[in-house]
Full PDB file with SEQRES, HELIX, SHEET, SSBOND, CRYST1, ORIGX, SCALE, CONECT and MASTER records, all heavy atoms in Angstrom:
SEQRES   1 A   39  ILE LEU ALA VAL VAL LEU SER SER ALA CYS LEU SER ALA          
SEQRES   2 A   39  ILE ALA GLN GLU ALA GLY PRO ASP ILE VAL GLY LEU GLU          
SEQRES   3 A   39  LEU GLY MET THR GLN ALA GLU LEU VAL ALA ALA ILE ARG          
HELIX    1 AA1 LEU A    2  LEU A    6  1                                   5    
HELIX    2 AA2 SER A    8  LEU A   11  5                                   4    
HELIX    3 AA3 ALA A   13  ALA A   18  1                                   6    
HELIX    4 AA4 GLN A   31  ILE A   38  1                                   8    
CRYST1    1.000    1.000    1.000  90.00  90.00  90.00 P 1           1          
ORIGX1      1.000000  0.000000  0.000000        0.00000                         
ORIGX2      0.000000  1.000000  0.000000        0.00000                         
ORIGX3      0.000000  0.000000  1.000000        0.00000                         
SCALE1      1.000000  0.000000  0.000000        0.00000                         
SCALE2      0.000000  1.000000  0.000000        0.00000                         
SCALE3      0.000000  0.000000  1.000000        0.00000                         
ATOM      1  N   ILE A   1     -21.036 -17.216 -19.713  1.00  0.00           N  
ATOM      2  CA  ILE A   1     -22.039 -16.756 -18.752  1.00  0.00           C  
ATOM      3  C   ILE A   1     -21.703 -17.259 -17.358  1.00  0.00           C  
ATOM      4  O   ILE A   1     -21.825 -16.550 -16.364  1.00  0.00           O  
ATOM      5  CB  ILE A   1     -23.434 -17.240 -19.180  1.00  0.00           C  
ATOM      6  CG1 ILE A   1     -23.837 -16.560 -20.497  1.00  0.00           C  
ATOM      7  CG2 ILE A   1     -24.478 -16.935 -18.106  1.00  0.00           C  
ATOM      8  CD1 ILE A   1     -25.064 -17.163 -21.134  1.00  0.00           C  
ATOM      9  N   LEU A   2     -21.220 -18.502 -17.273  1.00  0.00           N  
ATOM     10  CA  LEU A   2     -20.904 -19.082 -15.970  1.00  0.00           C  
ATOM     11  C   LEU A   2     -19.749 -18.364 -15.286  1.00  0.00           C  
ATOM     12  O   LEU A   2     -19.630 -18.398 -14.066  1.00  0.00           O  
ATOM     13  CB  LEU A   2     -20.578 -20.570 -16.120  1.00  0.00           C  
ATOM     14  CG  LEU A   2     -21.804 -21.456 -16.320  1.00  0.00           C  
ATOM     15  CD1 LEU A   2     -21.391 -22.858 -16.676  1.00  0.00           C  
ATOM     16  CD2 LEU A   2     -22.665 -21.447 -15.089  1.00  0.00           C  
ATOM     17  N   ALA A   3     -18.921 -17.707 -16.073  1.00  0.00           N  
ATOM     18  CA  ALA A   3     -17.848 -16.931 -15.473  1.00  0.00           C  
ATOM     19  C   ALA A   3     -18.430 -15.810 -14.629  1.00  0.00           C  
ATOM     20  O   ALA A   3     -17.870 -15.425 -13.602  1.00  0.00           O  
ATOM     21  CB  ALA A   3     -16.938 -16.344 -16.563  1.00  0.00           C  
ATOM     22  N   VAL A   4     -19.587 -15.305 -15.029  1.00  0.00           N  
ATOM     23  CA  VAL A   4     -20.268 -14.286 -14.248  1.00  0.00           C  
ATOM     24  C   VAL A   4     -20.907 -14.904 -13.013  1.00  0.00           C  
ATOM     25  O   VAL A   4     -20.879 -14.352 -11.924  1.00  0.00           O  
ATOM     26  CB  VAL A   4     -21.350 -13.581 -15.096  1.00  0.00           C  
ATOM     27  CG1 VAL A   4     -22.107 -12.566 -14.264  1.00  0.00           C  
ATOM     28  CG2 VAL A   4     -20.717 -12.918 -16.302  1.00  0.00           C  
ATOM     29  N   VAL A   5     -21.494 -16.096 -13.165  1.00  0.00           N  
ATOM     30  CA  VAL A   5     -22.216 -16.735 -12.069  1.00  0.00           C  
ATOM     31  C   VAL A   5     -21.279 -17.176 -10.958  1.00  0.00           C  
ATOM     32  O   VAL A   5     -21.521 -16.961  -9.777  1.00  0.00           O  
ATOM     33  CB  VAL A   5     -23.012 -17.951 -12.586  1.00  0.00           C  
ATOM     34  CG1 VAL A   5     -23.702 -18.656 -11.445  1.00  0.00           C  
ATOM     35  CG2 VAL A   5     -24.014 -17.519 -13.635  1.00  0.00           C  
ATOM     36  N   LEU A   6     -20.187 -17.811 -11.329  1.00  0.00           N  
ATOM     37  CA  LEU A   6     -19.328 -18.424 -10.325  1.00  0.00           C  
ATOM     38  C   LEU A   6     -17.993 -17.729 -10.145  1.00  0.00           C  
ATOM     39  O   LEU A   6     -17.305 -17.977  -9.168  1.00  0.00           O  
ATOM     40  CB  LEU A   6     -19.072 -19.900 -10.703  1.00  0.00           C  
ATOM     41  CG  LEU A   6     -20.319 -20.780 -10.739  1.00  0.00           C  
ATOM     42  CD1 LEU A   6     -19.972 -22.153 -11.277  1.00  0.00           C  
ATOM     43  CD2 LEU A   6     -20.920 -20.899  -9.362  1.00  0.00           C  
ATOM     44  N   SER A   7     -17.603 -16.867 -11.087  1.00  0.00           N  
ATOM     45  CA  SER A   7     -16.316 -16.189 -11.090  1.00  0.00           C  
ATOM     46  C   SER A   7     -15.195 -17.203 -11.345  1.00  0.00           C  
ATOM     47  O   SER A   7     -14.907 -18.066 -10.532  1.00  0.00           O  
ATOM     48  CB  SER A   7     -16.054 -15.478  -9.760  1.00  0.00           C  
ATOM     49  OG  SER A   7     -14.768 -14.908  -9.755  1.00  0.00           O  
ATOM     50  N   SER A   8     -14.564 -17.075 -12.483  1.00  0.00           N  
ATOM     51  CA  SER A   8     -13.542 -18.042 -12.881  1.00  0.00           C  
ATOM     52  C   SER A   8     -12.381 -18.071 -11.906  1.00  0.00           C  
ATOM     53  O   SER A   8     -11.747 -19.097 -11.692  1.00  0.00           O  
ATOM     54  CB  SER A   8     -13.039 -17.700 -14.291  1.00  0.00           C  
ATOM     55  OG  SER A   8     -12.503 -16.381 -14.318  1.00  0.00           O  
ATOM     56  N   ALA A   9     -12.106 -16.902 -11.262  1.00  0.00           N  
ATOM     57  CA  ALA A   9     -10.996 -16.868 -10.310  1.00  0.00           C  
ATOM     58  C   ALA A   9     -11.252 -17.787  -9.132  1.00  0.00           C  
ATOM     59  O   ALA A   9     -10.329 -18.332  -8.537  1.00  0.00           O  
ATOM     60  CB  ALA A   9     -10.785 -15.431  -9.810  1.00  0.00           C  
ATOM     61  N   CYS A  10     -12.548 -17.970  -8.785  1.00  0.00           N  
ATOM     62  CA  CYS A  10     -12.884 -18.820  -7.642  1.00  0.00           C  
ATOM     63  C   CYS A  10     -12.669 -20.286  -7.939  1.00  0.00           C  
ATOM     64  O   CYS A  10     -12.679 -21.113  -7.038  1.00  0.00           O  
ATOM     65  CB  CYS A  10     -14.338 -18.584  -7.246  1.00  0.00           C  
ATOM     66  SG  CYS A  10     -14.658 -16.897  -6.756  1.00  0.00           S  
ATOM     67  N   LEU A  11     -12.503 -20.650  -9.193  1.00  0.00           N  
ATOM     68  CA  LEU A  11     -12.320 -22.045  -9.561  1.00  0.00           C  
ATOM     69  C   LEU A  11     -10.867 -22.476  -9.478  1.00  0.00           C  
ATOM     70  O   LEU A  11     -10.538 -23.626  -9.707  1.00  0.00           O  
ATOM     71  CB  LEU A  11     -12.843 -22.274 -10.989  1.00  0.00           C  
ATOM     72  CG  LEU A  11     -14.332 -21.999 -11.181  1.00  0.00           C  
ATOM     73  CD1 LEU A  11     -14.715 -22.193 -12.640  1.00  0.00           C  
ATOM     74  CD2 LEU A  11     -15.169 -22.894 -10.300  1.00  0.00           C  
ATOM     75  N   SER A  12      -9.983 -21.527  -9.158  1.00  0.00           N  
ATOM     76  CA  SER A  12      -8.563 -21.853  -9.098  1.00  0.00           C  
ATOM     77  C   SER A  12      -8.256 -22.684  -7.861  1.00  0.00           C  
ATOM     78  O   SER A  12      -8.990 -22.686  -6.879  1.00  0.00           O  
ATOM     79  CB  SER A  12      -7.729 -20.562  -9.048  1.00  0.00           C  
ATOM     80  OG  SER A  12      -7.976 -19.886  -7.832  1.00  0.00           O  
ATOM     81  N   ALA A  13      -7.120 -23.380  -7.898  1.00  0.00           N  
ATOM     82  CA  ALA A  13      -6.718 -24.210  -6.758  1.00  0.00           C  
ATOM     83  C   ALA A  13      -6.464 -23.349  -5.531  1.00  0.00           C  
ATOM     84  O   ALA A  13      -6.741 -23.747  -4.404  1.00  0.00           O  
ATOM     85  CB  ALA A  13      -5.453 -24.995  -7.113  1.00  0.00           C  
ATOM     86  N   ILE A  14      -5.963 -22.138  -5.719  1.00  0.00           N  
ATOM     87  CA  ILE A  14      -5.681 -21.259  -4.600  1.00  0.00           C  
ATOM     88  C   ILE A  14      -6.965 -20.924  -3.858  1.00  0.00           C  
ATOM     89  O   ILE A  14      -7.035 -20.979  -2.631  1.00  0.00           O  
ATOM     90  CB  ILE A  14      -4.994 -19.963  -5.085  1.00  0.00           C  
ATOM     91  CG1 ILE A  14      -3.617 -20.301  -5.666  1.00  0.00           C  
ATOM     92  CG2 ILE A  14      -4.856 -18.966  -3.945  1.00  0.00           C  
ATOM     93  CD1 ILE A  14      -2.901 -19.105  -6.261  1.00  0.00           C  
ATOM     94  N   ALA A  15      -8.009 -20.593  -4.618  1.00  0.00           N  
ATOM     95  CA  ALA A  15      -9.288 -20.244  -3.994  1.00  0.00           C  
ATOM     96  C   ALA A  15      -9.879 -21.436  -3.268  1.00  0.00           C  
ATOM     97  O   ALA A  15     -10.442 -21.303  -2.194  1.00  0.00           O  
ATOM     98  CB  ALA A  15     -10.262 -19.720  -5.040  1.00  0.00           C  
ATOM     99  N   GLN A  16      -9.760 -22.629  -3.858  1.00  0.00           N  
ATOM    100  CA  GLN A  16     -10.320 -23.815  -3.233  1.00  0.00           C  
ATOM    101  C   GLN A  16      -9.609 -24.132  -1.930  1.00  0.00           C  
ATOM    102  O   GLN A  16     -10.217 -24.564  -0.965  1.00  0.00           O  
ATOM    103  CB  GLN A  16     -10.239 -24.994  -4.201  1.00  0.00           C  
ATOM    104  CG  GLN A  16     -11.207 -24.850  -5.383  1.00  0.00           C  
ATOM    105  CD  GLN A  16     -11.111 -26.012  -6.334  1.00  0.00           C  
ATOM    106  OE1 GLN A  16     -10.263 -26.888  -6.186  1.00  0.00           O  
ATOM    107  NE2 GLN A  16     -11.974 -26.028  -7.339  1.00  0.00           N  
ATOM    108  N   GLU A  17      -8.279 -23.891  -1.868  1.00  0.00           N  
ATOM    109  CA  GLU A  17      -7.542 -24.153  -0.648  1.00  0.00           C  
ATOM    110  C   GLU A  17      -7.945 -23.190   0.458  1.00  0.00           C  
ATOM    111  O   GLU A  17      -7.894 -23.499   1.633  1.00  0.00           O  
ATOM    112  CB  GLU A  17      -6.034 -24.038  -0.928  1.00  0.00           C  
ATOM    113  CG  GLU A  17      -5.478 -25.187  -1.769  1.00  0.00           C  
ATOM    114  CD  GLU A  17      -4.013 -24.978  -2.116  1.00  0.00           C  
ATOM    115  OE1 GLU A  17      -3.448 -23.960  -1.675  1.00  0.00           O  
ATOM    116  OE2 GLU A  17      -3.439 -25.835  -2.820  1.00  0.00           O  
ATOM    117  N   ALA A  18      -8.360 -21.966   0.074  1.00  0.00           N  
ATOM    118  CA  ALA A  18      -8.717 -20.960   1.058  1.00  0.00           C  
ATOM    119  C   ALA A  18     -10.029 -21.291   1.752  1.00  0.00           C  
ATOM    120  O   ALA A  18     -10.301 -20.792   2.827  1.00  0.00           O  
ATOM    121  CB  ALA A  18      -8.799 -19.590   0.391  1.00  0.00           C  
ATOM    122  N   GLY A  19     -10.859 -22.133   1.159  1.00  0.00           N  
ATOM    123  CA  GLY A  19     -12.130 -22.504   1.765  1.00  0.00           C  
ATOM    124  C   GLY A  19     -13.275 -22.249   0.814  1.00  0.00           C  
ATOM    125  O   GLY A  19     -13.140 -21.515  -0.155  1.00  0.00           O  
ATOM    126  N   PRO A  20     -14.438 -22.859   1.084  1.00  0.00           N  
ATOM    127  CA  PRO A  20     -15.596 -22.667   0.206  1.00  0.00           C  
ATOM    128  C   PRO A  20     -15.948 -21.184   0.110  1.00  0.00           C  
ATOM    129  O   PRO A  20     -15.869 -20.446   1.091  1.00  0.00           O  
ATOM    130  CB  PRO A  20     -16.705 -23.451   0.905  1.00  0.00           C  
ATOM    131  CG  PRO A  20     -15.989 -24.397   1.806  1.00  0.00           C  
ATOM    132  CD  PRO A  20     -14.742 -23.711   2.232  1.00  0.00           C  
ATOM    133  N   ASP A  21     -16.326 -20.739  -1.069  1.00  0.00           N  
ATOM    134  CA  ASP A  21     -16.659 -19.344  -1.252  1.00  0.00           C  
ATOM    135  C   ASP A  21     -17.802 -19.209  -2.245  1.00  0.00           C  
ATOM    136  O   ASP A  21     -18.125 -20.132  -2.982  1.00  0.00           O  
ATOM    137  CB  ASP A  21     -15.441 -18.568  -1.777  1.00  0.00           C  
ATOM    138  CG  ASP A  21     -15.089 -18.975  -3.202  1.00  0.00           C  
ATOM    139  OD1 ASP A  21     -15.626 -18.343  -4.145  1.00  0.00           O  
ATOM    140  OD2 ASP A  21     -14.312 -19.939  -3.388  1.00  0.00           O  
ATOM    141  N   ILE A  22     -18.406 -18.045  -2.242  1.00  0.00           N  
ATOM    142  CA  ILE A  22     -19.378 -17.654  -3.258  1.00  0.00           C  
ATOM    143  C   ILE A  22     -18.813 -16.409  -3.921  1.00  0.00           C  
ATOM    144  O   ILE A  22     -18.686 -15.370  -3.267  1.00  0.00           O  
ATOM    145  CB  ILE A  22     -20.761 -17.373  -2.648  1.00  0.00           C  
ATOM    146  CG1 ILE A  22     -21.361 -18.643  -2.032  1.00  0.00           C  
ATOM    147  CG2 ILE A  22     -21.719 -16.811  -3.694  1.00  0.00           C  
ATOM    148  CD1 ILE A  22     -22.695 -18.433  -1.357  1.00  0.00           C  
ATOM    149  N   VAL A  23     -18.447 -16.502  -5.178  1.00  0.00           N  
ATOM    150  CA  VAL A  23     -17.775 -15.438  -5.948  1.00  0.00           C  
ATOM    151  C   VAL A  23     -16.694 -14.739  -5.117  1.00  0.00           C  
ATOM    152  O   VAL A  23     -16.576 -13.518  -5.091  1.00  0.00           O  
ATOM    153  CB  VAL A  23     -18.782 -14.413  -6.524  1.00  0.00           C  
ATOM    154  CG1 VAL A  23     -19.630 -15.031  -7.602  1.00  0.00           C  
ATOM    155  CG2 VAL A  23     -19.662 -13.776  -5.451  1.00  0.00           C  
ATOM    156  N   GLY A  24     -15.881 -15.540  -4.416  1.00  0.00           N  
ATOM    157  CA  GLY A  24     -14.761 -15.002  -3.653  1.00  0.00           C  
ATOM    158  C   GLY A  24     -15.086 -14.582  -2.240  1.00  0.00           C  
ATOM    159  O   GLY A  24     -14.188 -14.189  -1.491  1.00  0.00           O  
ATOM    160  N   LEU A  25     -16.351 -14.657  -1.828  1.00  0.00           N  
ATOM    161  CA  LEU A  25     -16.749 -14.273  -0.476  1.00  0.00           C  
ATOM    162  C   LEU A  25     -16.727 -15.506   0.416  1.00  0.00           C  
ATOM    163  O   LEU A  25     -17.286 -16.545   0.067  1.00  0.00           O  
ATOM    164  CB  LEU A  25     -18.151 -13.661  -0.476  1.00  0.00           C  
ATOM    165  CG  LEU A  25     -18.447 -12.596  -1.532  1.00  0.00           C  
ATOM    166  CD1 LEU A  25     -19.865 -12.075  -1.368  1.00  0.00           C  
ATOM    167  CD2 LEU A  25     -17.448 -11.467  -1.474  1.00  0.00           C  
ATOM    168  N   GLU A  26     -16.093 -15.383   1.586  1.00  0.00           N  
ATOM    169  CA  GLU A  26     -15.924 -16.519   2.479  1.00  0.00           C  
ATOM    170  C   GLU A  26     -16.446 -16.217   3.876  1.00  0.00           C  
ATOM    171  O   GLU A  26     -16.464 -15.057   4.311  1.00  0.00           O  
ATOM    172  CB  GLU A  26     -14.450 -16.906   2.583  1.00  0.00           C  
ATOM    173  CG  GLU A  26     -13.816 -17.330   1.272  1.00  0.00           C  
ATOM    174  CD  GLU A  26     -12.344 -17.676   1.437  1.00  0.00           C  
ATOM    175  OE1 GLU A  26     -11.949 -18.037   2.572  1.00  0.00           O  
ATOM    176  OE2 GLU A  26     -11.595 -17.570   0.454  1.00  0.00           O  
ATOM    177  N   LEU A  27     -16.833 -17.270   4.587  1.00  0.00           N  
ATOM    178  CA  LEU A  27     -17.186 -17.140   5.993  1.00  0.00           C  
ATOM    179  C   LEU A  27     -15.936 -16.741   6.778  1.00  0.00           C  
ATOM    180  O   LEU A  27     -14.826 -17.161   6.461  1.00  0.00           O  
ATOM    181  CB  LEU A  27     -17.737 -18.458   6.535  1.00  0.00           C  
ATOM    182  CG  LEU A  27     -19.025 -18.969   5.895  1.00  0.00           C  
ATOM    183  CD1 LEU A  27     -19.394 -20.335   6.468  1.00  0.00           C  
ATOM    184  CD2 LEU A  27     -20.166 -17.990   6.091  1.00  0.00           C  
ATOM    185  N   GLY A  28     -16.114 -15.927   7.808  1.00  0.00           N  
ATOM    186  CA  GLY A  28     -14.985 -15.516   8.631  1.00  0.00           C  
ATOM    187  C   GLY A  28     -14.285 -14.263   8.155  1.00  0.00           C  
ATOM    188  O   GLY A  28     -13.365 -13.786   8.815  1.00  0.00           O  
ATOM    189  N   MET A  29     -14.700 -13.701   7.020  1.00  0.00           N  
ATOM    190  CA  MET A  29     -14.072 -12.473   6.526  1.00  0.00           C  
ATOM    191  C   MET A  29     -14.423 -11.292   7.442  1.00  0.00           C  
ATOM    192  O   MET A  29     -15.494 -11.240   8.041  1.00  0.00           O  
ATOM    193  CB  MET A  29     -14.557 -12.147   5.112  1.00  0.00           C  
ATOM    194  CG  MET A  29     -13.865 -12.914   4.005  1.00  0.00           C  
ATOM    195  SD  MET A  29     -14.436 -12.356   2.359  1.00  0.00           S  
ATOM    196  CE  MET A  29     -13.099 -13.012   1.340  1.00  0.00           C  
ATOM    197  N   THR A  30     -13.495 -10.326   7.515  1.00  0.00           N  
ATOM    198  CA  THR A  30     -13.807  -9.059   8.159  1.00  0.00           C  
ATOM    199  C   THR A  30     -14.634  -8.218   7.195  1.00  0.00           C  
ATOM    200  O   THR A  30     -14.768  -8.559   6.007  1.00  0.00           O  
ATOM    201  CB  THR A  30     -12.535  -8.286   8.516  1.00  0.00           C  
ATOM    202  OG1 THR A  30     -11.835  -7.948   7.302  1.00  0.00           O  
ATOM    203  CG2 THR A  30     -11.615  -9.127   9.408  1.00  0.00           C  
ATOM    204  N   GLN A  31     -15.163  -7.118   7.677  1.00  0.00           N  
ATOM    205  CA  GLN A  31     -15.960  -6.263   6.792  1.00  0.00           C  
ATOM    206  C   GLN A  31     -15.107  -5.698   5.657  1.00  0.00           C  
ATOM    207  O   GLN A  31     -15.541  -5.648   4.504  1.00  0.00           O  
ATOM    208  CB  GLN A  31     -16.593  -5.122   7.591  1.00  0.00           C  
ATOM    209  CG  GLN A  31     -17.543  -4.268   6.752  1.00  0.00           C  
ATOM    210  CD  GLN A  31     -18.252  -3.210   7.578  1.00  0.00           C  
ATOM    211  OE1 GLN A  31     -18.242  -3.243   8.801  1.00  0.00           O  
ATOM    212  NE2 GLN A  31     -18.868  -2.251   6.904  1.00  0.00           N  
ATOM    213  N   ALA A  32     -13.884  -5.307   5.969  1.00  0.00           N  
ATOM    214  CA  ALA A  32     -13.000  -4.767   4.937  1.00  0.00           C  
ATOM    215  C   ALA A  32     -12.670  -5.821   3.887  1.00  0.00           C  
ATOM    216  O   ALA A  32     -12.648  -5.528   2.676  1.00  0.00           O  
ATOM    217  CB  ALA A  32     -11.712  -4.231   5.574  1.00  0.00           C  
ATOM    218  N   GLU A  33     -12.413  -7.045   4.341  1.00  0.00           N  
ATOM    219  CA  GLU A  33     -12.119  -8.127   3.399  1.00  0.00           C  
ATOM    220  C   GLU A  33     -13.323  -8.437   2.523  1.00  0.00           C  
ATOM    221  O   GLU A  33     -13.191  -8.688   1.320  1.00  0.00           O  
ATOM    222  CB  GLU A  33     -11.681  -9.377   4.168  1.00  0.00           C  
ATOM    223  CG  GLU A  33     -10.320  -9.244   4.845  1.00  0.00           C  
ATOM    224  CD  GLU A  33     -10.029 -10.379   5.803  1.00  0.00           C  
ATOM    225  OE1 GLU A  33     -10.975 -11.067   6.236  1.00  0.00           O  
ATOM    226  OE2 GLU A  33      -8.832 -10.586   6.129  1.00  0.00           O  
ATOM    227  N   LEU A  34     -14.508  -8.429   3.134  1.00  0.00           N  
ATOM    228  CA  LEU A  34     -15.727  -8.699   2.383  1.00  0.00           C  
ATOM    229  C   LEU A  34     -15.957  -7.644   1.304  1.00  0.00           C  
ATOM    230  O   LEU A  34     -16.224  -7.975   0.147  1.00  0.00           O  
ATOM    231  CB  LEU A  34     -16.929  -8.736   3.326  1.00  0.00           C  
ATOM    232  CG  LEU A  34     -18.271  -8.915   2.618  1.00  0.00           C  
ATOM    233  CD1 LEU A  34     -18.534 -10.381   2.331  1.00  0.00           C  
ATOM    234  CD2 LEU A  34     -19.400  -8.310   3.428  1.00  0.00           C  
ATOM    235  N   VAL A  35     -15.849  -6.382   1.671  1.00  0.00           N  
ATOM    236  CA  VAL A  35     -16.070  -5.302   0.704  1.00  0.00           C  
ATOM    237  C   VAL A  35     -15.069  -5.387  -0.434  1.00  0.00           C  
ATOM    238  O   VAL A  35     -15.419  -5.202  -1.605  1.00  0.00           O  
ATOM    239  CB  VAL A  35     -16.002  -3.931   1.409  1.00  0.00           C  
ATOM    240  CG1 VAL A  35     -16.004  -2.799   0.386  1.00  0.00           C  
ATOM    241  CG2 VAL A  35     -17.172  -3.770   2.372  1.00  0.00           C  
ATOM    242  N   ALA A  36     -13.808  -5.692  -0.110  1.00  0.00           N  
ATOM    243  CA  ALA A  36     -12.786  -5.821  -1.156  1.00  0.00           C  
ATOM    244  C   ALA A  36     -13.126  -6.966  -2.101  1.00  0.00           C  
ATOM    245  O   ALA A  36     -12.947  -6.848  -3.322  1.00  0.00           O  
ATOM    246  CB  ALA A  36     -11.417  -6.046  -0.509  1.00  0.00           C  
ATOM    247  N   ALA A  37     -13.632  -8.082  -1.545  1.00  0.00           N  
ATOM    248  CA  ALA A  37     -13.994  -9.229  -2.384  1.00  0.00           C  
ATOM    249  C   ALA A  37     -15.188  -8.903  -3.271  1.00  0.00           C  
ATOM    250  O   ALA A  37     -15.254  -9.320  -4.433  1.00  0.00           O  
ATOM    251  CB  ALA A  37     -14.298 -10.450  -1.504  1.00  0.00           C  
ATOM    252  N   ILE A  38     -16.151  -8.154  -2.729  1.00  0.00           N  
ATOM    253  CA  ILE A  38     -17.306  -7.747  -3.541  1.00  0.00           C  
ATOM    254  C   ILE A  38     -16.857  -6.843  -4.677  1.00  0.00           C  
ATOM    255  O   ILE A  38     -17.287  -6.997  -5.829  1.00  0.00           O  
ATOM    256  CB  ILE A  38     -18.357  -7.032  -2.660  1.00  0.00           C  
ATOM    257  CG1 ILE A  38     -19.003  -8.020  -1.691  1.00  0.00           C  
ATOM    258  CG2 ILE A  38     -19.437  -6.383  -3.537  1.00  0.00           C  
ATOM    259  CD1 ILE A  38     -19.935  -7.382  -0.684  1.00  0.00           C  
ATOM    260  N   ARG A  39     -15.974  -5.896  -4.379  1.00  0.00           N  
ATOM    261  CA  ARG A  39     -15.466  -4.990  -5.408  1.00  0.00           C  
ATOM    262  C   ARG A  39     -14.687  -5.754  -6.476  1.00  0.00           C  
ATOM    263  O   ARG A  39     -14.754  -5.423  -7.667  1.00  0.00           O  
ATOM    264  CB  ARG A  39     -14.576  -3.920  -4.777  1.00  0.00           C  
ATOM    265  CG  ARG A  39     -15.331  -2.901  -3.915  1.00  0.00           C  
ATOM    266  CD  ARG A  39     -16.397  -2.208  -4.698  1.00  0.00           C  
ATOM    267  NE  ARG A  39     -16.994  -1.078  -3.978  1.00  0.00           N  
ATOM    268  CZ  ARG A  39     -18.176  -0.588  -4.243  1.00  0.00           C  
ATOM    269  NH1 ARG A  39     -18.936  -1.142  -5.190  1.00  0.00           N  
ATOM    270  NH2 ARG A  39     -18.650   0.442  -3.566  1.00  0.00           N  
TER     271      ARG A  39                                                      
MASTER        0    0    0    4    0    0    0    6  270    1    0    3          
END                                                                             
C-alpha cells in the first residue's frame, strides 16, 4: 500500500539526490516536467 502512497521509485538514491519530492513532484519543475511526473 505504501508503494502507492510514496511511490517506490521516489525512495531510490537517485530521487533523493534530485531533491525532496512528493511522488516524484519537485519544487522548481516546469509545467511540462510536472505533468510528466504526474503521469
